Amino acid sequence: MPLLFGTAGVPISARVRSTEAGVKRVRELKLDAMEIEFVHGVRMGEEKASKIAKIALEENVALSCHGPYWINFNSREPEKVKASRDRLLHSARISKILGVRSVVFHPAFYHDDDPQVVLERTAGELMKVREILDVEGNEIILRPETTGKPSQLGTLREVLNLAQEVPGVLPCIDISHLYARSNGKINTYDEFCQVLEETAQALGDQWVKNAHFHVSGIDYGLKGEKKHLVLAEADFRYPELIKALHTFGVEGLVICESPNLEVDALLMQTTYRSLG
């Protein structure tokens, strides 16, 4: 199938709370992907990463990873900007050993600065990270994520601009974040198609054949995202999103971030496959 569905982290039903057990449980569930969550820091050594890579290959489970939350390329403090580069580099280096193709991350906060200035600053920092990875022969794709709060860099246009400016960068499109950030305006088949069309026009086949999505139910307010919800408890029209993804024929990963992880991942996978 062009799209592979999976969980953001170890499935809840895994008998052991480990990445290895999570990969095996994903395969038992007949899902095809798992995102390894380094959101609280990269707490994995090279030996363990190699072991997980072997298991994922044996189980035919596609892996991605989410970098630490503490990345902010627009920090007021230069040492925190450097720490952000180091965190992204560390994530990318371990991800290469894991056999991961993409590292997702939240790029920056505006801090009342002009969004264009923040965008340019972030692009410059990503270029530095990319240059180091290129020297190391690390082809990991860096994926700035569309974000759920208007205080964060991460509109669709912004992540597309980063991908156009910096080689080796493609977006992670969190559709639920776009829905929350727009106060529920992006929530129909036509609106989902508009997001996909804008992205495809900006980035072409390099994205269409290697897309990465986050999806969940989501609660939001005037300040954007509040918390993730299970799809059945949310107003998010996921069947229309799945139809749009099917119509456009995009390939890649759909990672479920709902609180019930594998239940909603399987629900979306079943919906997608029912479209033929």
C-alpha atoms as a PDB file:
ATOM      1  CA  MET A   1       0.000   0.000   0.000  1.00  0.00           C
ATOM      2  CA  PRO A   2       1.271   3.521  -0.781  1.00  0.00           C
ATOM      3  CA  LEU A   3       0.665   4.687   2.805  1.00  0.00           C
ATOM      4  CA  LEU A   4       1.906   2.868   5.896  1.00  0.00           C
ATOM      5  CA  PHE A   5       0.063   3.425   9.178  1.00  0.00           C
ATOM      6  CA  GLY A   6       1.564   3.221  12.634  1.00  0.00           C
ATOM      7  CA  THR A   7       1.836   4.543  16.165  1.00  0.00           C
ATOM      8  CA  ALA A   8       3.656   7.427  17.806  1.00  0.00           C
ATOM      9  CA  GLY A   9       5.627   5.332  20.249  1.00  0.00           C
ATOM     10  CA  VAL A  10       5.194   1.857  21.689  1.00  0.00           C
ATOM     11  CA  PRO A  11       1.621   0.577  21.261  1.00  0.00           C
ATOM     12  CA  ILE A  12      -0.371   0.624  24.482  1.00  0.00           C
ATOM     13  CA  SER A  13      -1.066  -3.104  24.188  1.00  0.00           C
ATOM     14  CA  ALA A  14       2.629  -4.067  24.063  1.00  0.00           C
ATOM     15  CA  ARG A  15       3.393  -6.460  26.920  1.00  0.00           C
ATOM     16  CA  VAL A  16       6.728  -4.767  27.621  1.00  0.00           C
ATOM     17  CA  ARG A  17       7.323  -1.003  27.496  1.00  0.00           C
ATOM     18  CA  SER A  18      10.366  -1.120  25.254  1.00  0.00           C
ATOM     19  CA  THR A  19      11.063  -0.039  21.694  1.00  0.00           C
ATOM     20  CA  GLU A  20      11.922  -3.612  20.721  1.00  0.00           C
ATOM     21  CA  ALA A  21       8.618  -4.913  22.070  1.00  0.00           C
ATOM     22  CA  GLY A  22       6.829  -2.023  20.416  1.00  0.00           C
ATOM     23  CA  VAL A  23       8.148  -2.898  16.967  1.00  0.00           C
ATOM     24  CA  LYS A  24       7.093  -6.515  17.406  1.00  0.00           C
ATOM     25  CA  ARG A  25       3.642  -5.481  18.660  1.00  0.00           C
ATOM     26  CA  VAL A  26       3.165  -3.193  15.654  1.00  0.00           C
ATOM     27  CA  ARG A  27       3.702  -6.198  13.404  1.00  0.00           C
ATOM     28  CA  GLU A  28       1.347  -8.383  15.496  1.00  0.00           C
ATOM     29  CA  LEU A  29      -1.327  -5.720  15.057  1.00  0.00           C
ATOM     30  CA  LYS A  30      -0.705  -5.768  11.291  1.00  0.00           C
ATOM     31  CA  LEU A  31       0.318  -2.138  11.298  1.00  0.00           C
ATOM     32  CA  ASP A  32       3.393  -1.161   9.296  1.00  0.00           C
ATOM     33  CA  ALA A  33       5.158   1.719  11.044  1.00  0.00           C
ATOM     34  CA  MET A  34       6.241   3.154  14.375  1.00  0.00           C
ATOM     35  CA  GLU A  35       7.669   6.510  15.324  1.00  0.00           C
ATOM     36  CA  ILE A  36      10.317   6.308  18.052  1.00  0.00           C
ATOM     37  CA  GLU A  37       9.709   9.127  20.504  1.00  0.00           C
ATOM     38  CA  PHE A  38      12.841  10.947  21.626  1.00  0.00           C
ATOM     39  CA  VAL A  39      10.691  13.848  22.787  1.00  0.00           C
ATOM     40  CA  HIS A  40      12.240  13.916  26.281  1.00  0.00           C
ATOM     41  CA  GLY A  41      15.758  13.349  25.012  1.00  0.00           C
ATOM     42  CA  VAL A  42      17.691  10.725  23.058  1.00  0.00           C
ATOM     43  CA  ARG A  43      18.113   8.023  25.658  1.00  0.00           C
ATOM     44  CA  MET A  44      19.400   5.255  23.460  1.00  0.00           C
ATOM     45  CA  GLY A  45      22.898   4.022  22.763  1.00  0.00           C
ATOM     46  CA  GLU A  46      24.332   2.776  19.500  1.00  0.00           C
ATOM     47  CA  GLU A  47      24.246  -0.907  20.480  1.00  0.00           C
ATOM     48  CA  LYS A  48      20.542  -0.801  21.303  1.00  0.00           C
ATOM     49  CA  ALA A  49      19.809   1.195  18.151  1.00  0.00           C
ATOM     50  CA  SER A  50      21.524  -1.496  16.054  1.00  0.00           C
ATOM     51  CA  LYS A  51      19.457  -4.194  17.752  1.00  0.00           C
ATOM     52  CA  ILE A  52      16.209  -2.334  17.088  1.00  0.00           C
ATOM     53  CA  ALA A  53      17.181  -1.741  13.456  1.00  0.00           C
ATOM     54  CA  LYS A  54      17.624  -5.498  12.984  1.00  0.00           C
ATOM     55  CA  ILE A  55      14.250  -6.261  14.585  1.00  0.00           C
ATOM     56  CA  ALA A  56      12.475  -3.632  12.478  1.00  0.00           C
ATOM     57  CA  LEU A  57      14.012  -5.082   9.323  1.00  0.00           C
ATOM     58  CA  GLU A  58      12.993  -8.617  10.294  1.00  0.00           C
ATOM     59  CA  GLU A  59       9.440  -7.511  11.143  1.00  0.00           C
ATOM     60  CA  ASN A  60       9.190  -5.245   8.079  1.00  0.00           C
ATOM     61  CA  VAL A  61       8.210  -2.229  10.188  1.00  0.00           C
ATOM     62  CA  ALA A  62       9.119   1.238   8.907  1.00  0.00           C
ATOM     63  CA  LEU A  63      10.605   3.511  11.578  1.00  0.00           C
ATOM     64  CA  SER A  64      10.707   7.251  11.996  1.00  0.00           C
ATOM     65  CA  CYS A  65      11.666   9.292  15.046  1.00  0.00           C
ATOM     66  CA  HIS A  66      10.550  12.449  16.822  1.00  0.00           C
ATOM     67  CA  GLY A  67      13.335  14.639  18.163  1.00  0.00           C
ATOM     68  CA  PRO A  68      13.336  16.330  21.583  1.00  0.00           C
ATOM     69  CA  TYR A  69      10.747  18.974  22.396  1.00  0.00           C
ATOM     70  CA  TRP A  70      13.544  21.269  23.639  1.00  0.00           C
ATOM     71  CA  ILE A  71      14.527  22.425  20.163  1.00  0.00           C
ATOM     72  CA  ASN A  72      14.103  26.157  19.612  1.00  0.00           C
ATOM     73  CA  PHE A  73      16.152  27.780  16.884  1.00  0.00           C
ATOM     74  CA  ASN A  74      14.807  31.191  17.885  1.00  0.00           C
ATOM     75  CA  SER A  75      15.868  31.137  21.519  1.00  0.00           C
ATOM     76  CA  ARG A  76      17.055  34.428  23.004  1.00  0.00           C
ATOM     77  CA  GLU A  77      20.044  32.560  24.428  1.00  0.00           C
ATOM     78  CA  PRO A  78      22.801  31.518  21.971  1.00  0.00           C
ATOM     79  CA  GLU A  79      23.730  28.480  24.093  1.00  0.00           C
ATOM     80  CA  LYS A  80      20.171  27.170  23.734  1.00  0.00           C
ATOM     81  CA  VAL A  81      20.327  27.566  19.957  1.00  0.00           C
ATOM     82  CA  LYS A  82      23.547  25.558  19.958  1.00  0.00           C
ATOM     83  CA  ALA A  83      21.925  22.971  22.241  1.00  0.00           C
ATOM     84  CA  SER A  84      19.058  22.743  19.755  1.00  0.00           C
ATOM     85  CA  ARG A  85      21.496  21.991  16.940  1.00  0.00           C
ATOM     86  CA  ASP A  86      23.203  19.373  19.090  1.00  0.00           C
ATOM     87  CA  ARG A  87      19.900  17.701  19.989  1.00  0.00           C
ATOM     88  CA  LEU A  88      18.858  17.489  16.361  1.00  0.00           C
ATOM     89  CA  LEU A  89      22.277  16.145  15.366  1.00  0.00           C
ATOM     90  CA  HIS A  90      22.184  13.528  18.132  1.00  0.00           C
ATOM     91  CA  SER A  91      18.699  12.455  17.015  1.00  0.00           C
ATOM     92  CA  ALA A  92      19.867  12.172  13.402  1.00  0.00           C
ATOM     93  CA  ARG A  93      22.969  10.160  14.288  1.00  0.00           C
ATOM     94  CA  ILE A  94      21.083   7.598  16.349  1.00  0.00           C
ATOM     95  CA  SER A  95      18.337   7.521  13.703  1.00  0.00           C
ATOM     96  CA  LYS A  96      20.864   6.551  11.035  1.00  0.00           C
ATOM     97  CA  ILE A  97      21.869   3.527  13.123  1.00  0.00           C
ATOM     98  CA  LEU A  98      18.188   2.711  13.670  1.00  0.00           C
ATOM     99  CA  GLY A  99      17.584   2.668   9.919  1.00  0.00           C
ATOM    100  CA  VAL A 100      15.181   5.580  10.325  1.00  0.00           C
ATOM    101  CA  ARG A 101      14.580   7.756   7.273  1.00  0.00           C
ATOM    102  CA  SER A 102      13.176  10.864   8.969  1.00  0.00           C
ATOM    103  CA  VAL A 103      13.566  12.926  12.145  1.00  0.00           C
ATOM    104  CA  VAL A 104      10.519  15.029  13.046  1.00  0.00           C
ATOM    105  CA  PHE A 105      10.940  18.103  15.263  1.00  0.00           C
ATOM    106  CA  HIS A 106       9.248  21.344  16.328  1.00  0.00           C
ATOM    107  CA  PRO A 107      11.558  24.066  14.973  1.00  0.00           C
ATOM    108  CA  ALA A 108      11.030  27.279  16.964  1.00  0.00           C
ATOM    109  CA  PHE A 109       8.880  29.726  18.904  1.00  0.00           C
ATOM    110  CA  TYR A 110       8.275  33.255  17.617  1.00  0.00           C
ATOM    111  CA  HIS A 111       8.863  35.055  20.955  1.00  0.00           C
ATOM    112  CA  ASP A 112       7.118  38.154  19.531  1.00  0.00           C
ATOM    113  CA  ASP A 113       9.692  38.370  16.720  1.00  0.00           C
ATOM    114  CA  ASP A 114       8.663  38.924  13.125  1.00  0.00           C
ATOM    115  CA  PRO A 115       7.701  35.494  11.691  1.00  0.00           C
ATOM    116  CA  GLN A 116       9.803  36.064   8.568  1.00  0.00           C
ATOM    117  CA  VAL A 117      12.875  36.797  10.690  1.00  0.00           C
ATOM    118  CA  VAL A 118      12.252  33.635  12.722  1.00  0.00           C
ATOM    119  CA  LEU A 119      11.829  31.634   9.530  1.00  0.00           C
ATOM    120  CA  GLU A 120      15.110  32.904   8.093  1.00  0.00           C
ATOM    121  CA  ARG A 121      16.921  32.308  11.372  1.00  0.00           C
ATOM    122  CA  THR A 122      15.595  28.743  11.541  1.00  0.00           C
ATOM    123  CA  ALA A 123      16.556  28.055   7.930  1.00  0.00           C
ATOM    124  CA  GLY A 124      20.089  29.219   8.701  1.00  0.00           C
ATOM    125  CA  GLU A 125      20.376  26.930  11.716  1.00  0.00           C
ATOM    126  CA  LEU A 126      19.011  23.973   9.762  1.00  0.00           C
ATOM    127  CA  MET A 127      21.546  24.636   7.036  1.00  0.00           C
ATOM    128  CA  LYS A 128      24.318  24.328   9.650  1.00  0.00           C
ATOM    129  CA  VAL A 129      22.890  21.000  10.874  1.00  0.00           C
ATOM    130  CA  ARG A 130      22.490  19.748   7.323  1.00  0.00           C
ATOM    131  CA  GLU A 131      26.070  20.637   6.401  1.00  0.00           C
ATOM    132  CA  ILE A 132      27.421  18.640   9.357  1.00  0.00           C
ATOM    133  CA  LEU A 133      25.248  15.633   8.516  1.00  0.00           C
ATOM    134  CA  ASP A 134      26.312  15.790   4.863  1.00  0.00           C
ATOM    135  CA  VAL A 135      29.984  15.708   5.854  1.00  0.00           C
ATOM    136  CA  GLU A 136      29.201  12.647   8.001  1.00  0.00           C
ATOM    137  CA  GLY A 137      27.391  10.937   5.114  1.00  0.00           C
ATOM    138  CA  ASN A 138      24.098  11.007   7.013  1.00  0.00           C
ATOM    139  CA  GLU A 139      21.158  11.279   4.607  1.00  0.00           C
ATOM    140  CA  ILE A 140      18.459  11.412   7.293  1.00  0.00           C
ATOM    141  CA  ILE A 141      15.601  13.699   6.248  1.00  0.00           C
ATOM    142  CA  LEU A 142      14.964  16.503   8.723  1.00  0.00           C
ATOM    143  CA  ARG A 143      11.228  17.157   9.061  1.00  0.00           C
ATOM    144  CA  PRO A 144      10.042  20.401  10.673  1.00  0.00           C
ATOM    145  CA  GLU A 145       6.483  19.797  11.801  1.00  0.00           C
ATOM    146  CA  THR A 146       3.401  21.928  11.300  1.00  0.00           C
ATOM    147  CA  THR A 147       2.580  23.065  14.815  1.00  0.00           C
ATOM    148  CA  GLY A 148      -0.682  23.442  16.700  1.00  0.00           C
ATOM    149  CA  LYS A 149      -0.219  26.813  18.417  1.00  0.00           C
ATOM    150  CA  PRO A 150       0.116  30.282  16.887  1.00  0.00           C
ATOM    151  CA  SER A 151       3.066  30.957  19.232  1.00  0.00           C
ATOM    152  CA  GLN A 152       5.152  28.378  17.321  1.00  0.00           C
ATOM    153  CA  LEU A 153       6.832  28.534  13.948  1.00  0.00           C
ATOM    154  CA  GLY A 154       5.033  25.903  11.908  1.00  0.00           C
ATOM    155  CA  THR A 155       2.367  27.066   9.481  1.00  0.00           C
ATOM    156  CA  LEU A 156       2.117  24.986   6.329  1.00  0.00           C
ATOM    157  CA  ARG A 157       3.734  27.764   4.302  1.00  0.00           C
ATOM    158  CA  GLU A 158       6.610  28.047   6.770  1.00  0.00           C
ATOM    159  CA  VAL A 159       7.543  24.369   6.745  1.00  0.00           C
ATOM    160  CA  LEU A 160       7.268  24.331   2.951  1.00  0.00           C
ATOM    161  CA  ASN A 161       9.611  27.313   2.777  1.00  0.00           C
ATOM    162  CA  LEU A 162      12.124  25.511   4.999  1.00  0.00           C
ATOM    163  CA  ALA A 163      11.956  22.481   2.712  1.00  0.00           C
ATOM    164  CA  GLN A 164      12.498  24.671  -0.342  1.00  0.00           C
ATOM    165  CA  GLU A 165      15.391  26.567   1.251  1.00  0.00           C
ATOM    166  CA  VAL A 166      17.359  23.738   2.862  1.00  0.00           C
ATOM    167  CA  PRO A 167      18.387  20.549   1.023  1.00  0.00           C
ATOM    168  CA  GLY A 168      17.556  17.356   2.900  1.00  0.00           C
ATOM    169  CA  VAL A 169      14.515  18.912   4.581  1.00  0.00           C
ATOM    170  CA  LEU A 170      10.892  17.852   4.027  1.00  0.00           C
ATOM    171  CA  PRO A 171       7.842  18.658   6.164  1.00  0.00           C
ATOM    172  CA  CYS A 172       6.018  16.532   8.666  1.00  0.00           C
ATOM    173  CA  ILE A 173       2.438  17.611   8.087  1.00  0.00           C
ATOM    174  CA  ASP A 174       0.471  17.244  11.286  1.00  0.00           C
ATOM    175  CA  ILE A 175      -3.017  17.694   9.866  1.00  0.00           C
ATOM    176  CA  SER A 176      -4.560  17.808  13.330  1.00  0.00           C
ATOM    177  CA  HIS A 177      -2.237  20.664  14.272  1.00  0.00           C
ATOM    178  CA  LEU A 178      -3.299  22.595  11.176  1.00  0.00           C
ATOM    179  CA  TYR A 179      -6.926  21.973  12.107  1.00  0.00           C
ATOM    180  CA  ALA A 180      -6.345  23.238  15.667  1.00  0.00           C
ATOM    181  CA  ARG A 181      -4.201  26.191  14.603  1.00  0.00           C
ATOM    182  CA  SER A 182      -6.901  27.325  12.168  1.00  0.00           C
ATOM    183  CA  ASN A 183      -9.593  26.980  14.864  1.00  0.00           C
ATOM    184  CA  GLY A 184     -11.271  24.161  12.974  1.00  0.00           C
ATOM    185  CA  LYS A 185     -11.207  25.662   9.494  1.00  0.00           C
ATOM    186  CA  ILE A 186      -9.165  22.870   7.883  1.00  0.00           C
ATOM    187  CA  ASN A 187     -11.609  20.013   8.294  1.00  0.00           C
ATOM    188  CA  THR A 188     -13.215  19.079   4.975  1.00  0.00           C
ATOM    189  CA  TYR A 189     -12.222  16.936   2.014  1.00  0.00           C
ATOM    190  CA  ASP A 190     -11.682  20.013  -0.162  1.00  0.00           C
ATOM    191  CA  GLU A 191      -9.587  21.732   2.513  1.00  0.00           C
ATOM    192  CA  PHE A 192      -7.464  18.626   3.044  1.00  0.00           C
ATOM    193  CA  CYS A 193      -6.980  18.398  -0.724  1.00  0.00           C
ATOM    194  CA  GLN A 194      -5.882  22.027  -0.757  1.00  0.00           C
ATOM    195  CA  VAL A 195      -3.159  21.263   1.820  1.00  0.00           C
ATOM    196  CA  LEU A 196      -1.949  18.287  -0.208  1.00  0.00           C
ATOM    197  CA  GLU A 197      -2.053  20.192  -3.481  1.00  0.00           C
ATOM    198  CA  GLU A 198      -0.112  23.156  -2.083  1.00  0.00           C
ATOM    199  CA  THR A 199       2.534  20.808  -0.698  1.00  0.00           C
ATOM    200  CA  ALA A 200       2.811  18.792  -3.899  1.00  0.00           C
ATOM    201  CA  GLN A 201       3.137  21.931  -5.998  1.00  0.00           C
ATOM    202  CA  ALA A 202       5.858  23.292  -3.717  1.00  0.00           C
ATOM    203  CA  LEU A 203       7.918  20.121  -3.355  1.00  0.00           C
ATOM    204  CA  GLY A 204       6.965  17.730  -6.157  1.00  0.00           C
ATOM    205  CA  ASP A 205       7.639  14.005  -6.228  1.00  0.00           C
ATOM    206  CA  GLN A 206      10.345  14.136  -3.562  1.00  0.00           C
ATOM    207  CA  TRP A 207       7.481  14.728  -1.113  1.00  0.00           C
ATOM    208  CA  VAL A 208       4.608  12.922  -2.864  1.00  0.00           C
ATOM    209  CA  LYS A 209       6.586   9.662  -2.779  1.00  0.00           C
ATOM    210  CA  ASN A 210       7.960  10.223   0.732  1.00  0.00           C
ATOM    211  CA  ALA A 211       5.373  12.030   2.847  1.00  0.00           C
ATOM    212  CA  HIS A 212       5.064  11.974   6.613  1.00  0.00           C
ATOM    213  CA  PHE A 213       1.844  12.778   8.467  1.00  0.00           C
ATOM    214  CA  HIS A 214       0.732  12.992  12.079  1.00  0.00           C
ATOM    215  CA  VAL A 215      -2.972  12.505  12.781  1.00  0.00           C
ATOM    216  CA  SER A 216      -5.113  12.379  15.920  1.00  0.00           C
ATOM    217  CA  GLY A 217      -8.281  13.749  17.372  1.00  0.00           C
ATOM    218  CA  ILE A 218      -7.550  17.110  18.957  1.00  0.00           C
ATOM    219  CA  ASP A 219      -9.060  19.662  21.317  1.00  0.00           C
ATOM    220  CA  TYR A 220      -8.323  23.313  20.611  1.00  0.00           C
ATOM    221  CA  GLY A 221      -9.199  26.875  21.595  1.00  0.00           C
ATOM    222  CA  LEU A 222      -8.313  30.426  20.617  1.00  0.00           C
ATOM    223  CA  LYS A 223      -4.649  29.679  21.398  1.00  0.00           C
ATOM    224  CA  GLY A 224      -4.660  26.559  19.243  1.00  0.00           C
ATOM    225  CA  GLU A 225      -3.961  23.009  20.364  1.00  0.00           C
ATOM    226  CA  LYS A 226      -4.958  21.965  23.890  1.00  0.00           C
ATOM    227  CA  LYS A 227      -4.631  18.174  23.910  1.00  0.00           C
ATOM    228  CA  HIS A 228      -4.923  15.095  21.721  1.00  0.00           C
ATOM    229  CA  LEU A 229      -8.189  13.147  21.685  1.00  0.00           C
ATOM    230  CA  VAL A 230      -9.260   9.777  20.349  1.00  0.00           C
ATOM    231  CA  LEU A 231     -10.852  10.204  16.935  1.00  0.00           C
ATOM    232  CA  ALA A 232     -14.312   9.110  18.120  1.00  0.00           C
ATOM    233  CA  GLU A 233     -14.369  11.947  20.682  1.00  0.00           C
ATOM    234  CA  ALA A 234     -13.235  14.681  18.291  1.00  0.00           C
ATOM    235  CA  ASP A 235     -14.876  16.739  15.564  1.00  0.00           C
ATOM    236  CA  PHE A 236     -11.957  16.102  13.235  1.00  0.00           C
ATOM    237  CA  ARG A 237     -13.267  14.529  10.012  1.00  0.00           C
ATOM    238  CA  TYR A 238     -10.630  11.870   9.573  1.00  0.00           C
ATOM    239  CA  PRO A 239     -12.583   9.852   6.923  1.00  0.00           C
ATOM    240  CA  GLU A 240     -12.439  12.890   4.632  1.00  0.00           C
ATOM    241  CA  LEU A 241      -8.712  13.237   5.286  1.00  0.00           C
ATOM    242  CA  ILE A 242      -8.132   9.575   4.465  1.00  0.00           C
ATOM    243  CA  LYS A 243     -10.157   9.980   1.266  1.00  0.00           C
ATOM    244  CA  ALA A 244      -8.002  12.975   0.287  1.00  0.00           C
ATOM    245  CA  LEU A 245      -4.790  11.043   0.958  1.00  0.00           C
ATOM    246  CA  HIS A 246      -6.094   8.173  -1.163  1.00  0.00           C
ATOM    247  CA  THR A 247      -7.182  10.485  -3.982  1.00  0.00           C
ATOM    248  CA  PHE A 248      -3.767  12.147  -4.184  1.00  0.00           C
ATOM    249  CA  GLY A 249      -1.911   8.825  -4.094  1.00  0.00           C
ATOM    250  CA  VAL A 250       0.731  10.069  -1.671  1.00  0.00           C
ATOM    251  CA  GLU A 251       3.224   7.543  -0.316  1.00  0.00           C
ATOM    252  CA  GLY A 252       4.879   7.457   3.086  1.00  0.00           C
ATOM    253  CA  LEU A 253       3.874   7.222   6.738  1.00  0.00           C
ATOM    254  CA  VAL A 254       0.755   8.158   8.693  1.00  0.00           C
ATOM    255  CA  ILE A 255       1.601   8.199  12.401  1.00  0.00           C
ATOM    256  CA  CYS A 256      -1.277   8.197  14.870  1.00  0.00           C
ATOM    257  CA  GLU A 257      -0.884  10.359  17.981  1.00  0.00           C
ATOM    258  CA  SER A 258      -4.311   9.709  19.519  1.00  0.00           C
ATOM    259  CA  PRO A 259      -4.312   8.633  23.199  1.00  0.00           C
ATOM    260  CA  ASN A 260      -5.473   5.176  22.113  1.00  0.00           C
ATOM    261  CA  LEU A 261      -2.602   4.924  19.569  1.00  0.00           C
ATOM    262  CA  GLU A 262      -3.073   1.581  17.848  1.00  0.00           C
ATOM    263  CA  VAL A 263      -6.887   1.652  17.944  1.00  0.00           C
ATOM    264  CA  ASP A 264      -7.053   4.828  15.893  1.00  0.00           C
ATOM    265  CA  ALA A 265      -4.088   3.798  13.728  1.00  0.00           C
ATOM    266  CA  LEU A 266      -5.947   0.620  12.794  1.00  0.00           C
ATOM    267  CA  LEU A 267      -9.155   2.603  12.257  1.00  0.00           C
ATOM    268  CA  MET A 268      -7.425   4.892   9.768  1.00  0.00           C
ATOM    269  CA  GLN A 269      -5.674   1.978   8.077  1.00  0.00           C
ATOM    270  CA  THR A 270      -8.967   0.114   7.661  1.00  0.00           C
ATOM    271  CA  THR A 271     -10.640   3.253   6.304  1.00  0.00           C
ATOM    272  CA  TYR A 272      -7.813   3.762   3.816  1.00  0.00           C
ATOM    273  CA  ARG A 273      -7.777   0.180   2.585  1.00  0.00           C
ATOM    274  CA  SER A 274     -11.556   0.135   2.163  1.00  0.00           C
ATOM    275  CA  LEU A 275     -11.135   2.730  -0.596  1.00  0.00           C
ATOM    276  CA  GLY A 276      -9.438   0.146  -2.805  1.00  0.00           C
END
